[in-house]
Protein backbone atom coordinates (compact mmCIF):
# COMPACT_ATOMS: atom_id res chain seq x y z
CA MET A 1 27.27 11.50 -3.48
CA LYS A 2 23.70 12.68 -2.87
CA VAL A 3 22.60 11.45 -6.32
CA VAL A 4 24.08 8.00 -5.63
CA GLN A 5 22.30 7.89 -2.28
CA ILE A 6 18.97 8.81 -3.86
CA CYS A 7 19.42 6.20 -6.61
CA LEU A 8 20.31 3.50 -4.08
CA ILE A 9 17.27 4.32 -1.93
CA VAL A 10 14.95 4.16 -4.95
CA LEU A 11 16.54 0.90 -6.10
CA THR A 12 16.25 -0.57 -2.60
CA ARG A 13 12.56 0.36 -2.35
CA PHE A 14 11.96 -1.20 -5.77
CA ILE A 15 13.81 -4.43 -4.91
CA LEU A 16 12.17 -4.82 -1.50
CA SER A 17 8.64 -4.14 -2.75
CA SER A 18 8.86 -6.07 -6.03
CA VAL A 19 8.57 -9.51 -4.45
CA PHE A 20 5.33 -8.51 -2.71
CA LEU A 21 3.79 -6.73 -5.67
CA ALA A 22 4.61 -9.60 -8.05
CA SER A 23 3.28 -12.11 -5.53
CA ALA A 24 0.02 -10.21 -5.08
CA VAL A 25 -0.52 -9.87 -8.83
CA GLY A 26 0.22 -13.59 -9.28
CA LYS A 27 -2.32 -14.45 -6.61
CA ILE A 28 -4.94 -12.30 -8.32
CA PHE A 29 -4.38 -13.87 -11.75
CA HIS A 30 -4.23 -17.39 -10.28
CA TRP A 31 -6.90 -16.95 -7.62
CA GLN A 32 -8.40 -20.46 -7.70
CA GLU A 33 -5.02 -22.17 -7.71
CA THR A 34 -3.78 -20.00 -4.83
CA GLU A 35 -6.99 -20.54 -2.87
CA HIS A 36 -6.63 -24.30 -3.39
CA ASP A 37 -3.01 -24.17 -2.19
CA LEU A 38 -4.10 -22.24 0.91
CA ILE A 39 -6.74 -24.87 1.68
CA ILE A 40 -4.04 -27.55 1.43
CA VAL A 41 -1.75 -25.59 3.78
CA LEU A 42 -4.55 -25.19 6.34
CA SER A 43 -5.45 -28.89 6.03
CA ASP A 44 -1.82 -29.85 6.53
CA TRP A 45 -1.67 -27.71 9.66
CA GLN A 46 -4.90 -29.28 10.87
CA ASN A 47 -3.19 -32.67 10.56
CA TYR A 48 0.07 -31.43 12.10
CA ALA A 49 -1.88 -30.02 15.04
CA SER A 50 -3.58 -33.33 15.81
CA PHE A 51 -1.76 -33.34 19.18
CA SER A 52 -4.15 -30.56 20.28
CA GLU A 53 -7.83 -30.65 19.50
CA SER A 54 -8.05 -26.86 19.93
CA PHE A 55 -5.30 -26.16 17.38
CA SER A 56 -6.67 -28.74 14.99
CA ASN A 57 -10.16 -27.21 15.24
CA PHE A 58 -8.70 -23.72 14.74
CA PHE A 59 -7.13 -24.64 11.40
CA GLY A 60 -10.26 -26.54 10.39
CA ALA A 61 -12.36 -23.47 11.18
CA LEU A 62 -10.15 -21.29 8.97
CA THR A 63 -10.70 -23.42 5.86
CA PRO A 64 -14.11 -21.92 4.94
CA TRP A 65 -12.53 -18.46 5.21
CA THR A 66 -9.77 -19.02 2.65
CA SER A 67 -11.21 -16.51 0.17
CA ILE A 68 -11.29 -13.79 2.83
CA LEU A 69 -7.80 -14.70 4.09
CA LEU A 70 -6.47 -14.64 0.53
CA LEU A 71 -8.07 -11.27 -0.20
CA PHE A 72 -6.70 -9.84 3.06
CA GLY A 73 -3.20 -11.13 2.23
CA ILE A 74 -3.32 -9.67 -1.28
CA LEU A 75 -4.45 -6.28 0.05
CA MET A 76 -1.61 -6.27 2.60
CA GLU A 77 0.95 -7.19 -0.08
CA LEU A 78 -0.35 -4.62 -2.58
CA GLY A 79 -0.87 -1.85 -0.05
CA GLY A 80 2.37 -2.39 1.82
CA GLY A 81 4.34 -2.98 -1.37
CA LEU A 82 3.07 0.22 -2.98
CA LEU A 83 3.74 2.30 0.15
CA VAL A 84 7.33 1.04 0.31
CA LEU A 85 7.87 1.39 -3.44
CA LEU A 86 6.58 4.95 -3.58
CA GLY A 87 8.20 5.99 -0.29
CA ILE A 88 4.85 7.19 1.03
CA ARG A 89 4.37 6.16 4.68
CA GLU A 90 6.95 3.46 3.99
CA LYS A 91 7.18 2.56 7.69
CA LEU A 92 3.48 1.69 7.67
CA GLY A 93 3.95 -0.22 4.40
CA ALA A 94 6.84 -2.20 5.88
CA GLY A 95 4.70 -2.92 8.95
CA LEU A 96 1.86 -4.25 6.79
CA LEU A 97 4.28 -6.45 4.88
CA LEU A 98 5.82 -7.73 8.11
CA LEU A 99 2.36 -8.55 9.51
CA PHE A 100 1.71 -10.49 6.31
CA MET A 101 5.10 -12.23 6.31
CA ILE A 102 5.05 -13.62 9.85
CA PRO A 103 2.03 -15.94 9.54
CA ALA A 104 2.72 -16.65 5.85
CA THR A 105 6.25 -17.79 6.66
CA VAL A 106 5.26 -19.98 9.58
CA LEU A 107 2.27 -21.50 7.79
CA CYS A 108 3.78 -22.04 4.34
CA HIS A 109 7.39 -22.99 5.11
CA GLN A 110 6.98 -25.48 7.96
CA PHE A 111 10.30 -27.28 7.36
CA TRP A 112 10.17 -28.81 10.84
CA PHE A 113 7.33 -31.15 9.77
CA ILE A 114 8.92 -32.57 6.61
CA ASP A 115 11.94 -34.65 5.60
CA GLY A 116 14.33 -35.03 2.67
CA SER A 117 15.03 -32.50 -0.04
CA ALA A 118 11.68 -30.78 0.56
CA ARG A 119 12.91 -29.96 4.06
CA GLU A 120 16.03 -28.29 2.64
CA ILE A 121 13.99 -26.23 0.20
CA GLN A 122 11.51 -25.13 2.86
CA THR A 123 14.34 -24.29 5.28
CA VAL A 124 15.94 -22.02 2.67
CA MET A 125 12.57 -20.40 1.90
CA PHE A 126 11.94 -19.88 5.63
CA LEU A 127 15.38 -18.28 6.10
CA LYS A 128 14.91 -16.12 2.97
CA ASN A 129 11.68 -14.82 4.44
CA LEU A 130 13.45 -14.08 7.74
CA ALA A 131 16.01 -12.03 5.80
CA ILE A 132 13.25 -10.09 4.06
CA MET A 133 11.59 -9.51 7.44
CA GLY A 134 14.90 -8.11 8.69
CA GLY A 135 14.90 -5.63 5.81
CA LEU A 136 11.31 -4.68 6.57
CA ILE A 137 12.18 -4.09 10.22
CA MET A 138 15.06 -1.82 9.10
CA VAL A 139 12.59 0.19 6.99
CA MET A 140 10.20 0.38 9.96
CA ILE A 141 13.00 1.73 12.16
CA HIS A 142 14.82 4.05 9.75
CA GLY A 143 12.39 4.65 6.91
CA ALA A 144 13.28 4.46 3.24
CA GLN A 145 13.78 8.07 2.26
CA ALA A 146 16.79 9.60 0.55
CA SER A 147 17.10 12.53 2.93
CA PRO A 148 16.96 12.96 6.72
CA ARG A 149 13.56 13.80 8.10
CA GLU A 150 12.56 15.57 11.25
CA GLY A 151 13.33 13.36 14.21
CA GLY A 152 15.06 10.66 12.16
CA MET A 153 17.92 9.81 9.85
CA SER A 154 18.04 8.38 6.40
CA PRO A 155 19.09 4.73 6.30
CA LEU A 156 22.41 5.58 4.62
CA SER A 157 23.41 8.44 6.92
CA MET A 158 23.70 6.36 10.09
CA GLY A 159 26.96 6.68 11.95
């Protein structure tokens, strides 16, 4: 049973981290395209926030910083993804990924502003990200190791 538990933990770490690592690598290889997409997202939010001059100005002020924001996001995805994958300080890695996911989800999957089939797609993407965030929170609480550690339990030995 211990071998199965270890295999499942390793598989879980791989599955959970793979989306972030693949995303980060994709952003690196398609930097200009990703930066352009981020500018569009910030511009959209600037328009959506037209009800408040402060919010609108905030998103407008972020636009010149897209390269820095993109770099910061990639570093969080790579760093957090590798920590979770390797099981080294996986709680910290999950925290980094969660800190990345919250603003990325709200900014990029704003289904409440759109209509039609695009709304359905963005709603599903938003909910998918919430599910991933739930998994990250579980890792932050219980860790992602195959054996109990001092002061904690392995995720599969609860109960």
